[in-house]
Amino acid sequence: MTSAPVKPAQKPVRPQFSSGPCAKRPGWSPSVLGDALLGRSHRSGPGKARLKEVLDRSRALLGLPEDYRIAIVPASDTGAVELAMWSLLGQRPVDMLAWESFGRTWVTDVAKQLNLADARVLDAGYGELPDLSQVDPSHDVVFTWNGTTSGVRVPNADWIAADRGGLTICDATSAVFAMDIPWPKIDVATWSWQKVLGGEGAHGMLVLSPRAVERLESYTPSWPMPKIFRLTKGGKLIDGVFRGETINTPSMLCVEDALDSLKWAEEIGGLPALIARSQANLQAVVDWAATRDWIDFLPRAPETRSSTSICLSLTDDCGLDAEARATAPKRMAKLLEEEGVALDINGYRDAPAGLRIWGGATVDPDDMKALMPWLDWAFQSVRTA
């Protein structure tokens, strides 16, 4: 009779490895929200000041160009991407890049909701990127910098032309604050508070280049524009939106939490420190996986591996048949949750069966290292069950 695998002696201090909402920053507790501006209007002087502080700290932390605009918008990253597409697309042909579920969602919106005739889809399966050299610089392009559900990221922005005619619209929600974004190549960027800095949900962020602002002020889409998407009035940008005068009512409790995470990022060394922590998390998995024959990264090319949404899949050499391989990751994730070792690391529902481990900056690299032996334990437990 096969003996049960021996459990590792050390557990991660914090078992939160969810890819969204993500782990809070180290040392967080509800007490940090004690000064939240509750029971006050977000349109009051103090309310607008708090919102503007989120914008100013985000701008400084990311090193945004001075002439780029930044705003808080409704409905998380999804709302921010939708706002950008509904407000900006239609003037030029558009290339839609998709290699995982969220990119394909934006394809569906453009093809079936906006009904754009001049939309071209460049797609690839999970684990791969489409041929980025096929992107037409005269077209607008919509893409995710980091595919959260596949663990595949664009390795750089070399494929984006500096003298492009179209706009680049980038869903950067699991990349910004963890990866180096070359802002001169990006005309629109979106993200949510609930990702890399571990904020709370329902709020999105929107960054616009001068070229994107010029498009907003010179082009009117043919379709009706919902109120929460409106950034212009009388053909001019509504400047207040970019000074903290939000389109709809934000949660001031979430605003306080966002400020706490931004201040933490500043205290540990800013963007370079955030990127380094995320890279250290990825490296811990790389080093571990390199000596295992039963598991590998879902991304085919090492340069496309995400350091935030780290996606793994069982190999053909793992000793399980195809049916068992399809169920093993979910069973492993359940065992690790029961042990209080790792929460929410089963792969995304539409992705190939596998594990998805968040490695953003709010996850301690020591916790990531501590998790690795437990993955061995969980796999051996499933294989010998």
Protein backbone atom coordinates (compact mmCIF):
# COMPACT_ATOMS: atom_id res chain seq x y z
CA MET A 1 0.00 0.00 0.00
CA THR A 2 1.35 3.42 -0.97
CA SER A 3 1.98 5.65 2.02
CA ALA A 4 0.49 9.13 2.11
CA PRO A 5 2.81 11.95 0.99
CA VAL A 6 4.43 13.84 3.84
CA LYS A 7 3.16 17.36 4.34
CA PRO A 8 5.77 20.14 4.22
CA ALA A 9 6.65 21.66 7.58
CA GLN A 10 6.18 25.30 6.59
CA LYS A 11 3.05 26.96 5.26
CA PRO A 12 2.79 30.35 3.56
CA VAL A 13 2.06 33.01 6.18
CA ARG A 14 -0.69 34.37 3.97
CA PRO A 15 -2.55 31.86 1.78
CA GLN A 16 -4.20 34.45 -0.48
CA PHE A 17 -3.09 33.70 -4.05
CA SER A 18 -6.30 34.69 -5.85
CA SER A 19 -5.99 36.38 -9.24
CA GLY A 20 -8.75 38.83 -8.45
CA PRO A 21 -9.65 40.23 -6.07
CA CYS A 22 -6.02 39.89 -5.08
CA ALA A 23 -4.15 39.73 -1.78
CA LYS A 24 -4.08 42.86 0.35
CA ARG A 25 -0.67 44.45 0.91
CA PRO A 26 1.46 42.94 3.70
CA GLY A 27 0.45 44.25 7.11
CA TRP A 28 -3.01 45.37 6.01
CA SER A 29 -5.86 45.38 8.50
CA PRO A 30 -9.26 47.10 8.58
CA SER A 31 -7.82 49.67 10.98
CA VAL A 32 -6.03 51.40 8.07
CA LEU A 33 -9.46 52.55 6.89
CA GLY A 34 -10.18 54.44 10.09
CA ASP A 35 -9.89 57.85 8.44
CA ALA A 36 -12.18 57.01 5.53
CA LEU A 37 -14.40 59.92 4.56
CA LEU A 38 -17.69 58.19 5.36
CA GLY A 39 -21.05 59.88 5.48
CA ARG A 40 -19.72 62.70 3.31
CA SER A 41 -20.43 63.53 -0.30
CA HIS A 42 -17.76 62.60 -2.80
CA ARG A 43 -18.55 65.98 -4.36
CA SER A 44 -17.59 67.86 -1.20
CA GLY A 45 -14.23 69.60 -1.05
CA PRO A 46 -12.64 66.90 1.12
CA GLY A 47 -14.24 64.14 -0.98
CA LYS A 48 -12.85 65.49 -4.23
CA ALA A 49 -9.47 65.98 -2.58
CA ARG A 50 -9.29 62.29 -1.62
CA LEU A 51 -10.24 61.23 -5.14
CA LYS A 52 -7.69 63.58 -6.67
CA GLU A 53 -5.07 62.18 -4.31
CA VAL A 54 -5.67 58.71 -5.76
CA LEU A 55 -5.12 60.17 -9.23
CA ASP A 56 -2.01 62.12 -8.25
CA ARG A 57 -0.35 59.25 -6.39
CA SER A 58 -1.17 56.81 -9.21
CA ARG A 59 0.28 59.20 -11.78
CA ALA A 60 3.49 59.71 -9.83
CA LEU A 61 3.95 56.02 -9.00
CA LEU A 62 3.56 54.96 -12.62
CA GLY A 63 5.57 57.83 -14.07
CA LEU A 64 2.82 58.89 -16.46
CA PRO A 65 3.76 61.61 -18.97
CA GLU A 66 2.63 65.05 -17.80
CA ASP A 67 0.25 65.48 -20.74
CA TYR A 68 -1.58 62.19 -20.12
CA ARG A 69 -4.96 62.32 -18.36
CA ILE A 70 -6.03 59.93 -15.61
CA ALA A 71 -9.51 59.31 -14.20
CA ILE A 72 -11.51 57.08 -11.88
CA VAL A 73 -14.41 55.48 -13.76
CA PRO A 74 -17.30 53.13 -12.90
CA ALA A 75 -17.45 49.35 -13.07
CA SER A 76 -13.87 48.23 -12.53
CA ASP A 77 -11.54 47.43 -15.43
CA THR A 78 -14.45 46.09 -17.46
CA GLY A 79 -16.21 49.45 -17.28
CA ALA A 80 -13.01 51.27 -18.21
CA VAL A 81 -12.37 49.10 -21.28
CA GLU A 82 -15.99 49.35 -22.39
CA LEU A 83 -15.94 53.13 -21.92
CA ALA A 84 -12.84 53.38 -24.09
CA MET A 85 -14.18 51.18 -26.88
CA TRP A 86 -17.62 52.77 -27.01
CA SER A 87 -16.17 56.29 -26.95
CA LEU A 88 -13.21 55.91 -29.33
CA LEU A 89 -13.77 53.11 -31.83
CA GLY A 90 -15.46 53.42 -35.21
CA GLN A 91 -13.41 56.17 -36.85
CA ARG A 92 -10.75 53.76 -38.14
CA PRO A 93 -10.53 50.02 -38.73
CA VAL A 94 -9.61 48.16 -35.56
CA ASP A 95 -7.39 45.15 -34.88
CA MET A 96 -8.64 43.10 -31.94
CA LEU A 97 -6.01 40.91 -30.26
CA ALA A 98 -7.22 37.93 -28.26
CA TRP A 99 -5.43 35.02 -26.64
CA GLU A 100 -7.58 34.43 -23.57
CA SER A 101 -11.09 34.97 -22.25
CA PHE A 102 -11.08 38.72 -21.53
CA GLY A 103 -9.56 39.61 -24.89
CA ARG A 104 -12.26 37.50 -26.51
CA THR A 105 -14.89 39.37 -24.50
CA TRP A 106 -13.71 42.63 -26.06
CA VAL A 107 -13.92 40.96 -29.49
CA THR A 108 -17.53 40.01 -28.80
CA ASP A 109 -18.38 43.57 -27.77
CA VAL A 110 -16.90 45.04 -30.93
CA ALA A 111 -18.38 42.44 -33.28
CA LYS A 112 -21.82 41.93 -31.74
CA GLN A 113 -22.57 45.08 -29.73
CA LEU A 114 -20.87 47.87 -31.67
CA ASN A 115 -21.21 45.91 -34.93
CA LEU A 116 -18.03 47.36 -36.40
CA ALA A 117 -17.61 46.17 -39.98
CA ASP A 118 -13.91 47.08 -40.12
CA ALA A 119 -12.87 44.91 -37.18
CA ARG A 120 -10.14 42.32 -37.70
CA VAL A 121 -9.46 39.63 -35.11
CA LEU A 122 -5.92 38.36 -34.53
CA ASP A 123 -6.20 35.50 -32.07
CA ALA A 124 -4.27 32.62 -30.58
CA GLY A 125 -5.01 29.73 -28.27
CA TYR A 126 -4.32 29.63 -24.54
CA GLY A 127 -0.58 29.64 -23.96
CA GLU A 128 0.30 31.52 -27.13
CA LEU A 129 0.29 35.02 -28.60
CA PRO A 130 -1.06 36.02 -32.02
CA ASP A 131 1.42 37.26 -34.62
CA LEU A 132 1.92 40.81 -33.35
CA SER A 133 3.75 41.80 -36.53
CA GLN A 134 0.40 41.61 -38.33
CA VAL A 135 -1.00 44.59 -36.42
CA ASP A 136 -1.63 47.44 -38.86
CA PRO A 137 -0.30 50.75 -37.46
CA SER A 138 -2.98 52.65 -39.36
CA HIS A 139 -5.66 50.77 -37.40
CA ASP A 140 -6.77 51.18 -33.83
CA VAL A 141 -5.78 48.16 -31.75
CA VAL A 142 -7.35 46.70 -28.59
CA PHE A 143 -5.30 44.25 -26.52
CA THR A 144 -4.57 42.99 -23.03
CA TRP A 145 -0.99 43.57 -21.89
CA ASN A 146 -1.24 40.54 -19.63
CA GLY A 147 -3.77 37.79 -20.23
CA THR A 148 -5.00 37.15 -16.70
CA THR A 149 -6.68 33.83 -17.51
CA SER A 150 -3.84 32.39 -19.62
CA GLY A 151 -0.74 33.78 -17.91
CA VAL A 152 0.49 35.07 -21.28
CA ARG A 153 1.77 38.64 -21.59
CA VAL A 154 3.18 40.66 -24.45
CA PRO A 155 6.97 40.64 -23.91
CA ASN A 156 7.39 44.30 -24.92
CA ALA A 157 5.89 47.07 -27.04
CA ASP A 158 8.35 46.82 -29.95
CA TRP A 159 5.47 45.77 -32.21
CA ILE A 160 3.68 49.10 -31.64
CA ALA A 161 4.76 51.73 -34.16
CA ALA A 162 5.92 55.05 -32.71
CA ASP A 163 4.43 56.86 -35.75
CA ARG A 164 1.16 54.88 -35.70
CA GLY A 165 -2.01 56.43 -37.09
CA GLY A 166 -4.41 54.45 -34.92
CA LEU A 167 -4.86 54.39 -31.17
CA THR A 168 -3.54 51.66 -28.87
CA ILE A 169 -6.18 50.69 -26.30
CA CYS A 170 -4.61 48.49 -23.60
CA ASP A 171 -6.39 46.50 -20.93
CA ALA A 172 -3.55 46.60 -18.39
CA THR A 173 -5.41 45.45 -15.31
CA SER A 174 -3.05 42.65 -14.22
CA ALA A 175 0.07 44.30 -15.65
CA VAL A 176 0.15 47.89 -14.40
CA PHE A 177 2.17 48.27 -11.14
CA ALA A 178 3.88 44.93 -11.86
CA MET A 179 5.32 45.29 -15.35
CA ASP A 180 7.13 48.04 -17.21
CA ILE A 181 4.58 49.81 -19.43
CA PRO A 182 6.18 52.10 -22.07
CA TRP A 183 3.63 54.89 -21.90
CA PRO A 184 4.56 56.65 -25.19
CA LYS A 185 3.35 53.50 -26.97
CA ILE A 186 0.00 53.48 -25.12
CA ASP A 187 -2.88 55.82 -25.94
CA VAL A 188 -5.46 54.31 -23.58
CA ALA A 189 -4.79 52.14 -20.54
CA THR A 190 -7.27 50.66 -18.08
CA TRP A 191 -7.05 48.78 -14.81
CA SER A 192 -8.96 48.08 -11.62
CA TRP A 193 -8.18 48.64 -7.96
CA GLN A 194 -8.78 44.97 -7.15
CA LYS A 195 -5.73 43.65 -9.01
CA VAL A 196 -2.02 44.37 -8.51
CA LEU A 197 -2.30 46.63 -5.45
CA GLY A 198 -5.01 44.52 -3.84
CA GLY A 199 -7.72 47.17 -3.65
CA GLU A 200 -11.46 46.67 -3.44
CA GLY A 201 -13.78 46.16 -6.42
CA ALA A 202 -16.15 48.29 -8.49
CA HIS A 203 -13.71 51.04 -9.48
CA GLY A 204 -11.75 51.37 -12.69
CA MET A 205 -8.92 53.60 -13.83
CA LEU A 206 -8.54 55.19 -17.23
CA VAL A 207 -5.46 56.83 -18.75
CA LEU A 208 -5.65 58.84 -21.97
CA SER A 209 -2.83 60.15 -24.15
CA PRO A 210 -3.16 63.50 -25.97
CA ARG A 211 -3.95 61.52 -29.14
CA ALA A 212 -6.85 59.79 -27.39
CA VAL A 213 -8.16 63.13 -26.10
CA GLU A 214 -7.97 64.55 -29.63
CA ARG A 215 -10.05 61.60 -30.88
CA LEU A 216 -12.65 62.17 -28.18
CA GLU A 217 -12.99 65.83 -29.06
CA SER A 218 -13.06 65.38 -32.84
CA TYR A 219 -15.10 62.21 -33.32
CA THR A 220 -18.67 61.35 -32.33
CA PRO A 221 -19.65 57.65 -32.53
CA SER A 222 -22.84 56.78 -34.36
CA TRP A 223 -24.33 54.84 -31.45
CA PRO A 224 -26.05 56.18 -28.30
CA MET A 225 -23.64 56.75 -25.43
CA PRO A 226 -24.63 55.59 -21.91
CA LYS A 227 -24.23 58.25 -19.23
CA ILE A 228 -21.44 56.41 -17.42
CA PHE A 229 -19.37 56.42 -20.65
CA ARG A 230 -19.62 60.12 -21.42
CA LEU A 231 -16.29 61.96 -21.23
CA THR A 232 -17.17 64.95 -23.43
CA LYS A 233 -19.74 67.69 -23.48
CA GLY A 234 -20.24 70.01 -26.42
CA GLY A 235 -17.29 68.43 -28.19
CA LYS A 236 -14.87 69.14 -25.32
CA LEU A 237 -13.38 66.85 -22.70
CA ILE A 238 -15.07 67.10 -19.32
CA ASP A 239 -11.98 68.16 -17.37
CA GLY A 240 -13.56 67.58 -13.96
CA VAL A 241 -13.57 63.82 -14.49
CA PHE A 242 -9.77 63.97 -14.53
CA ARG A 243 -9.62 65.99 -11.30
CA GLY A 244 -11.59 63.57 -9.16
CA GLU A 245 -15.13 64.60 -10.13
CA THR A 246 -16.23 61.06 -10.87
CA ILE A 247 -19.01 60.15 -13.31
CA ASN A 248 -20.91 58.23 -10.64
CA THR A 249 -20.72 57.82 -6.87
CA PRO A 250 -17.60 55.99 -5.68
CA SER A 251 -17.19 54.20 -2.36
CA MET A 252 -15.11 56.44 -0.13
CA LEU A 253 -14.19 53.35 1.90
CA CYS A 254 -12.65 51.86 -1.24
CA VAL A 255 -10.96 55.19 -1.97
CA GLU A 256 -9.29 55.09 1.45
CA ASP A 257 -8.17 51.54 0.79
CA ALA A 258 -6.72 52.54 -2.58
CA LEU A 259 -4.78 55.35 -0.93
CA ASP A 260 -3.40 52.94 1.66
CA SER A 261 -2.07 50.60 -1.05
CA LEU A 262 -0.54 53.48 -3.01
CA LYS A 263 1.21 54.81 0.10
CA TRP A 264 2.54 51.32 0.86
CA ALA A 265 3.93 51.09 -2.68
CA GLU A 266 5.68 54.43 -2.24
CA GLU A 267 7.13 53.37 1.12
CA ILE A 268 8.72 50.17 -0.20
CA GLY A 269 10.45 51.92 -3.11
CA GLY A 270 7.83 52.71 -5.71
CA LEU A 271 7.34 51.04 -9.07
CA PRO A 272 10.81 49.38 -9.24
CA ALA A 273 10.15 47.67 -5.92
CA LEU A 274 6.70 46.51 -7.01
CA ILE A 275 8.07 45.05 -10.23
CA ALA A 276 10.94 43.38 -8.35
CA ARG A 277 8.57 41.69 -5.89
CA SER A 278 6.42 40.33 -8.71
CA GLN A 279 9.47 39.12 -10.62
CA ALA A 280 10.74 37.39 -7.47
CA ASN A 281 7.43 35.55 -7.20
CA LEU A 282 7.69 34.37 -10.80
CA GLN A 283 11.31 33.32 -10.30
CA ALA A 284 10.35 31.16 -7.33
CA VAL A 285 7.95 29.23 -9.55
CA VAL A 286 10.45 29.07 -12.44
CA ASP A 287 13.14 27.61 -10.19
CA TRP A 288 10.77 25.05 -8.72
CA ALA A 289 9.12 23.98 -12.01
CA ALA A 290 12.51 23.54 -13.71
CA THR A 291 13.19 20.44 -11.60
CA ARG A 292 9.74 18.85 -12.01
CA ASP A 293 8.64 16.74 -14.97
CA TRP A 294 4.98 16.67 -14.01
CA ILE A 295 4.18 20.37 -14.40
CA ASP A 296 5.08 23.23 -16.71
CA PHE A 297 4.00 26.78 -17.57
CA LEU A 298 0.96 27.20 -19.79
CA PRO A 299 2.71 29.98 -21.80
CA ARG A 300 4.78 28.34 -24.53
CA ALA A 301 7.54 30.95 -24.68
CA PRO A 302 9.40 31.94 -21.48
CA GLU A 303 9.46 35.64 -22.45
CA THR A 304 5.64 35.66 -22.47
CA ARG A 305 5.24 34.26 -18.94
CA SER A 306 3.25 36.53 -16.67
CA SER A 307 4.71 37.47 -13.31
CA THR A 308 1.26 38.16 -11.90
CA SER A 309 -1.20 35.54 -13.16
CA ILE A 310 1.15 32.55 -13.16
CA CYS A 311 -0.56 29.72 -15.04
CA LEU A 312 0.64 26.11 -14.88
CA SER A 313 -0.55 22.88 -16.46
CA LEU A 314 0.19 19.21 -15.92
CA THR A 315 2.45 17.62 -18.52
CA ASP A 316 1.92 14.44 -20.52
CA ASP A 317 4.71 12.91 -18.38
CA CYS A 318 2.91 13.46 -15.08
CA GLY A 319 1.82 9.83 -14.81
CA LEU A 320 -1.91 10.51 -15.13
CA ASP A 321 -4.16 9.70 -18.06
CA ALA A 322 -5.98 12.50 -19.90
CA GLU A 323 -9.15 12.19 -17.83
CA ALA A 324 -7.26 12.35 -14.54
CA ARG A 325 -5.14 15.29 -15.75
CA ALA A 326 -8.31 17.23 -16.49
CA THR A 327 -9.55 16.95 -12.89
CA ALA A 328 -6.28 16.92 -10.96
CA PRO A 329 -5.73 20.72 -10.72
CA LYS A 330 -9.17 21.29 -9.22
CA ARG A 331 -8.61 18.48 -6.72
CA MET A 332 -5.18 19.87 -5.85
CA ALA A 333 -6.62 23.34 -5.31
CA LYS A 334 -9.29 21.91 -3.02
CA LEU A 335 -6.71 20.04 -0.91
CA LEU A 336 -4.57 23.15 -0.54
CA GLU A 337 -7.55 25.24 0.46
CA GLU A 338 -8.54 22.68 3.09
CA GLU A 339 -5.00 22.86 4.50
CA GLY A 340 -5.13 26.66 4.61
CA VAL A 341 -2.11 26.79 2.32
CA ALA A 342 -3.43 28.38 -0.88
CA LEU A 343 -6.81 29.86 -1.67
CA ASP A 344 -8.39 30.22 -5.12
CA ILE A 345 -5.59 28.80 -7.28
CA ASN A 346 -7.62 26.57 -9.61
CA GLY A 347 -7.36 27.67 -13.23
CA TYR A 348 -9.91 29.96 -14.84
CA ARG A 349 -13.11 28.19 -15.84
CA ASP A 350 -12.66 28.74 -19.60
CA ALA A 351 -8.92 28.00 -19.64
CA PRO A 352 -7.30 24.57 -20.03
CA ALA A 353 -7.22 22.63 -16.76
CA GLY A 354 -4.41 23.92 -14.59
CA LEU A 355 -3.39 26.08 -11.66
CA ARG A 356 -3.37 29.88 -11.60
CA ILE A 357 -1.28 31.47 -8.85
CA TRP A 358 -1.22 35.22 -8.31
CA GLY A 359 2.30 36.61 -8.07
CA GLY A 360 1.69 40.34 -7.89
CA ALA A 361 3.57 42.65 -5.56
CA THR A 362 1.22 42.22 -2.59
CA VAL A 363 2.21 38.53 -2.40
CA ASP A 364 5.37 37.98 -0.35
CA PRO A 365 8.06 36.08 -2.30
CA ASP A 366 8.75 34.01 0.83
CA ASP A 367 5.13 32.86 0.77
CA MET A 368 5.47 31.90 -2.89
CA LYS A 369 8.58 29.85 -2.07
CA ALA A 370 6.77 28.19 0.82
CA LEU A 371 3.89 27.23 -1.47
CA MET A 372 6.01 25.26 -3.93
CA PRO A 373 6.60 22.11 -1.77
CA TRP A 374 2.88 22.06 -1.06
CA LEU A 375 2.17 21.83 -4.79
CA ASP A 376 4.33 18.70 -4.83
CA TRP A 377 2.41 17.33 -1.85
CA ALA A 378 -0.97 18.07 -3.43
CA PHE A 379 0.00 16.46 -6.72
CA GLN A 380 1.35 13.33 -5.04
CA SER A 381 -1.81 13.16 -2.92
CA VAL A 382 -4.01 13.28 -6.01
CA ARG A 383 -1.86 10.84 -7.97
CA THR A 384 -1.82 8.23 -5.22
CA ALA A 385 -5.45 8.65 -4.16
